[in-house]
Amino acid sequence: MNAAYCQTILDILPQTQLTDRRIGRKHVVMKLLKLVASVTMAAALVAVAVVRADDSATNNPASKPIPYPLNTCPVSGDKLGEMGAPYVFVYQGQEIKFCCPDCKKDFLKDPQKYLNQIKADAAKQQK
């Protein structure tokens, strides 16, 4: 810490604290540094707690998406796996599998249309 910064801190303090012989300038600066360090640590701990809460909410087994019931792409109709590994996407708690990432773009243009199609095709498969 440079001397100008320490002097600025000392200028901010009330003059009554500096005139007391029991409290030296070094002691006052150290108390301020401890206070700043404590506040910084508290802020960091709060930030970590918030991030962990978000992670636990998304990794919670109760919030697993509904599995995709079909073996075809809802956009192109191609069989999954013919063009490589399926592209998996979760939309409003429903897992959707596409034959390629480009189909996701088409899906997002009218998701309700494709969700209805998935439900209808899944019902046909179960008959």
C-alpha atoms as a PDB file:
ATOM      1  CA  MET A   1       0.000   0.000   0.000  1.00  0.00           C
ATOM      2  CA  ASN A   2       1.461   3.332  -0.924  1.00  0.00           C
ATOM      3  CA  ALA A   3       1.924   6.285   1.407  1.00  0.00           C
ATOM      4  CA  ALA A   4      -0.543   8.529  -0.450  1.00  0.00           C
ATOM      5  CA  TYR A   5      -3.338   5.996   0.023  1.00  0.00           C
ATOM      6  CA  CYS A   6      -2.561   5.684   3.740  1.00  0.00           C
ATOM      7  CA  GLN A   7      -2.498   9.447   4.092  1.00  0.00           C
ATOM      8  CA  THR A   8      -5.883   9.714   2.368  1.00  0.00           C
ATOM      9  CA  ILE A   9      -7.328   7.200   4.812  1.00  0.00           C
ATOM     10  CA  LEU A  10      -5.885   9.120   7.727  1.00  0.00           C
ATOM     11  CA  ASP A  11      -7.308  12.400   6.391  1.00  0.00           C
ATOM     12  CA  ILE A  12     -10.776  10.895   6.292  1.00  0.00           C
ATOM     13  CA  LEU A  13     -10.680   9.790   9.938  1.00  0.00           C
ATOM     14  CA  PRO A  14     -12.000  12.184  12.556  1.00  0.00           C
ATOM     15  CA  GLN A  15      -9.198  14.191  14.117  1.00  0.00           C
ATOM     16  CA  THR A  16     -10.261  13.161  17.622  1.00  0.00           C
ATOM     17  CA  GLN A  17      -9.079   9.611  17.025  1.00  0.00           C
ATOM     18  CA  LEU A  18      -5.650  10.762  15.913  1.00  0.00           C
ATOM     19  CA  THR A  19      -5.064  13.039  18.879  1.00  0.00           C
ATOM     20  CA  ASP A  20      -5.511  10.210  21.375  1.00  0.00           C
ATOM     21  CA  ARG A  21      -2.010   9.113  22.351  1.00  0.00           C
ATOM     22  CA  ARG A  22      -3.018   5.488  22.817  1.00  0.00           C
ATOM     23  CA  ILE A  23      -4.038   5.148  19.149  1.00  0.00           C
ATOM     24  CA  GLY A  24      -1.237   5.649  16.666  1.00  0.00           C
ATOM     25  CA  ARG A  25      -1.578   6.182  12.943  1.00  0.00           C
ATOM     26  CA  LYS A  26      -0.311   2.707  12.171  1.00  0.00           C
ATOM     27  CA  HIS A  27      -2.891   1.186  14.485  1.00  0.00           C
ATOM     28  CA  VAL A  28      -5.729   3.107  12.798  1.00  0.00           C
ATOM     29  CA  VAL A  29      -4.591   2.048   9.325  1.00  0.00           C
ATOM     30  CA  MET A  30      -4.383  -1.586  10.415  1.00  0.00           C
ATOM     31  CA  LYS A  31      -7.942  -1.440  11.809  1.00  0.00           C
ATOM     32  CA  LEU A  32      -9.156  -0.007   8.513  1.00  0.00           C
ATOM     33  CA  LEU A  33      -7.361  -2.695   6.539  1.00  0.00           C
ATOM     34  CA  LYS A  34      -8.930  -5.392   8.707  1.00  0.00           C
ATOM     35  CA  LEU A  35     -12.347  -3.872   8.129  1.00  0.00           C
ATOM     36  CA  VAL A  36     -11.853  -3.724   4.349  1.00  0.00           C
ATOM     37  CA  ALA A  37     -10.564  -7.309   4.302  1.00  0.00           C
ATOM     38  CA  SER A  38     -13.551  -8.512   6.355  1.00  0.00           C
ATOM     39  CA  VAL A  39     -16.069  -6.819   4.080  1.00  0.00           C
ATOM     40  CA  THR A  40     -14.339  -8.225   0.998  1.00  0.00           C
ATOM     41  CA  MET A  41     -14.341 -11.751   2.415  1.00  0.00           C
ATOM     42  CA  ALA A  42     -18.014 -11.498   3.362  1.00  0.00           C
ATOM     43  CA  ALA A  43     -18.909 -10.378  -0.165  1.00  0.00           C
ATOM     44  CA  ALA A  44     -16.910 -13.253  -1.650  1.00  0.00           C
ATOM     45  CA  LEU A  45     -18.636 -15.795   0.605  1.00  0.00           C
ATOM     46  CA  VAL A  46     -22.066 -14.466  -0.352  1.00  0.00           C
ATOM     47  CA  ALA A  47     -21.157 -14.698  -4.047  1.00  0.00           C
ATOM     48  CA  VAL A  48     -20.002 -18.314  -3.638  1.00  0.00           C
ATOM     49  CA  ALA A  49     -23.192 -19.195  -1.759  1.00  0.00           C
ATOM     50  CA  VAL A  50     -25.342 -17.744  -4.546  1.00  0.00           C
ATOM     51  CA  VAL A  51     -23.449 -19.673  -7.233  1.00  0.00           C
ATOM     52  CA  ARG A  52     -23.745 -22.909  -5.276  1.00  0.00           C
ATOM     53  CA  ALA A  53     -27.468 -22.357  -4.784  1.00  0.00           C
ATOM     54  CA  ASP A  54     -27.879 -21.939  -8.551  1.00  0.00           C
ATOM     55  CA  ASP A  55     -25.858 -25.096  -9.204  1.00  0.00           C
ATOM     56  CA  SER A  56     -27.823 -27.151  -6.698  1.00  0.00           C
ATOM     57  CA  ALA A  57     -31.089 -26.015  -8.251  1.00  0.00           C
ATOM     58  CA  THR A  58     -30.009 -27.077 -11.744  1.00  0.00           C
ATOM     59  CA  ASN A  59     -28.366 -30.328 -10.598  1.00  0.00           C
ATOM     60  CA  ASN A  60     -31.247 -31.328  -8.354  1.00  0.00           C
ATOM     61  CA  PRO A  61     -32.442 -34.841  -9.302  1.00  0.00           C
ATOM     62  CA  ALA A  62     -36.037 -33.676  -8.831  1.00  0.00           C
ATOM     63  CA  SER A  63     -35.555 -31.145 -11.635  1.00  0.00           C
ATOM     64  CA  LYS A  64     -34.343 -33.643 -14.251  1.00  0.00           C
ATOM     65  CA  PRO A  65     -35.852 -33.003 -17.665  1.00  0.00           C
ATOM     66  CA  ILE A  66     -38.548 -35.246 -19.118  1.00  0.00           C
ATOM     67  CA  PRO A  67     -36.749 -37.789 -21.360  1.00  0.00           C
ATOM     68  CA  TYR A  68     -37.126 -37.530 -25.109  1.00  0.00           C
ATOM     69  CA  PRO A  69     -39.502 -40.321 -26.209  1.00  0.00           C
ATOM     70  CA  LEU A  70     -38.662 -40.563 -29.927  1.00  0.00           C
ATOM     71  CA  ASN A  71     -35.786 -41.929 -31.973  1.00  0.00           C
ATOM     72  CA  THR A  72     -36.212 -39.316 -34.728  1.00  0.00           C
ATOM     73  CA  CYS A  73     -35.468 -35.616 -35.011  1.00  0.00           C
ATOM     74  CA  PRO A  74     -38.670 -33.577 -34.492  1.00  0.00           C
ATOM     75  CA  VAL A  75     -37.630 -31.022 -37.143  1.00  0.00           C
ATOM     76  CA  SER A  76     -36.183 -33.079 -39.989  1.00  0.00           C
ATOM     77  CA  GLY A  77     -37.695 -36.465 -39.198  1.00  0.00           C
ATOM     78  CA  ASP A  78     -34.282 -38.130 -39.640  1.00  0.00           C
ATOM     79  CA  LYS A  79     -33.371 -41.053 -37.426  1.00  0.00           C
ATOM     80  CA  LEU A  80     -31.168 -39.957 -34.549  1.00  0.00           C
ATOM     81  CA  GLY A  81     -27.577 -41.136 -34.775  1.00  0.00           C
ATOM     82  CA  GLU A  82     -27.371 -41.257 -38.578  1.00  0.00           C
ATOM     83  CA  MET A  83     -25.406 -37.999 -38.695  1.00  0.00           C
ATOM     84  CA  GLY A  84     -23.410 -38.630 -35.533  1.00  0.00           C
ATOM     85  CA  ALA A  85     -24.398 -38.211 -31.914  1.00  0.00           C
ATOM     86  CA  PRO A  86     -27.744 -36.454 -31.410  1.00  0.00           C
ATOM     87  CA  TYR A  87     -27.752 -32.819 -30.332  1.00  0.00           C
ATOM     88  CA  VAL A  88     -29.504 -32.732 -26.930  1.00  0.00           C
ATOM     89  CA  PHE A  89     -31.336 -29.617 -25.762  1.00  0.00           C
ATOM     90  CA  VAL A  90     -33.687 -29.005 -22.812  1.00  0.00           C
ATOM     91  CA  TYR A  91     -36.660 -26.752 -23.461  1.00  0.00           C
ATOM     92  CA  GLN A  92     -38.960 -25.888 -20.528  1.00  0.00           C
ATOM     93  CA  GLY A  93     -38.108 -29.117 -18.703  1.00  0.00           C
ATOM     94  CA  GLN A  94     -38.483 -31.338 -21.792  1.00  0.00           C
ATOM     95  CA  GLU A  95     -35.418 -32.980 -23.281  1.00  0.00           C
ATOM     96  CA  ILE A  96     -35.333 -32.603 -27.066  1.00  0.00           C
ATOM     97  CA  LYS A  97     -32.934 -34.481 -29.339  1.00  0.00           C
ATOM     98  CA  PHE A  98     -32.056 -33.176 -32.781  1.00  0.00           C
ATOM     99  CA  CYS A  99     -30.075 -34.763 -35.578  1.00  0.00           C
ATOM    100  CA  CYS A 100     -27.875 -31.623 -35.755  1.00  0.00           C
ATOM    101  CA  PRO A 101     -27.504 -28.199 -34.084  1.00  0.00           C
ATOM    102  CA  ASP A 102     -29.136 -26.451 -37.071  1.00  0.00           C
ATOM    103  CA  CYS A 103     -32.468 -28.112 -36.265  1.00  0.00           C
ATOM    104  CA  LYS A 104     -32.482 -26.365 -32.892  1.00  0.00           C
ATOM    105  CA  LYS A 105     -32.702 -23.006 -34.699  1.00  0.00           C
ATOM    106  CA  ASP A 106     -35.772 -24.163 -36.600  1.00  0.00           C
ATOM    107  CA  PHE A 107     -37.290 -25.589 -33.400  1.00  0.00           C
ATOM    108  CA  LEU A 108     -36.913 -22.272 -31.586  1.00  0.00           C
ATOM    109  CA  LYS A 109     -38.829 -20.436 -34.338  1.00  0.00           C
ATOM    110  CA  ASP A 110     -42.028 -22.327 -33.374  1.00  0.00           C
ATOM    111  CA  PRO A 111     -41.368 -24.550 -30.336  1.00  0.00           C
ATOM    112  CA  GLN A 112     -45.023 -25.233 -29.535  1.00  0.00           C
ATOM    113  CA  LYS A 113     -45.569 -26.749 -32.979  1.00  0.00           C
ATOM    114  CA  TYR A 114     -42.717 -29.205 -32.453  1.00  0.00           C
ATOM    115  CA  LEU A 115     -43.685 -29.990 -28.833  1.00  0.00           C
ATOM    116  CA  ASN A 116     -47.185 -30.881 -29.998  1.00  0.00           C
ATOM    117  CA  GLN A 117     -45.693 -33.022 -32.770  1.00  0.00           C
ATOM    118  CA  ILE A 118     -43.426 -34.827 -30.263  1.00  0.00           C
ATOM    119  CA  LYS A 119     -46.412 -35.586 -28.004  1.00  0.00           C
ATOM    120  CA  ALA A 120     -48.486 -36.858 -30.945  1.00  0.00           C
ATOM    121  CA  ASP A 121     -45.650 -39.050 -32.293  1.00  0.00           C
ATOM    122  CA  ALA A 122     -44.937 -40.426 -28.805  1.00  0.00           C
ATOM    123  CA  ALA A 123     -48.606 -41.352 -28.410  1.00  0.00           C
ATOM    124  CA  LYS A 124     -48.541 -43.152 -31.793  1.00  0.00           C
ATOM    125  CA  GLN A 125     -45.431 -45.130 -30.744  1.00  0.00           C
ATOM    126  CA  GLN A 126     -47.100 -46.328 -27.557  1.00  0.00           C
ATOM    127  CA  LYS A 127     -50.151 -47.737 -29.424  1.00  0.00           C
END
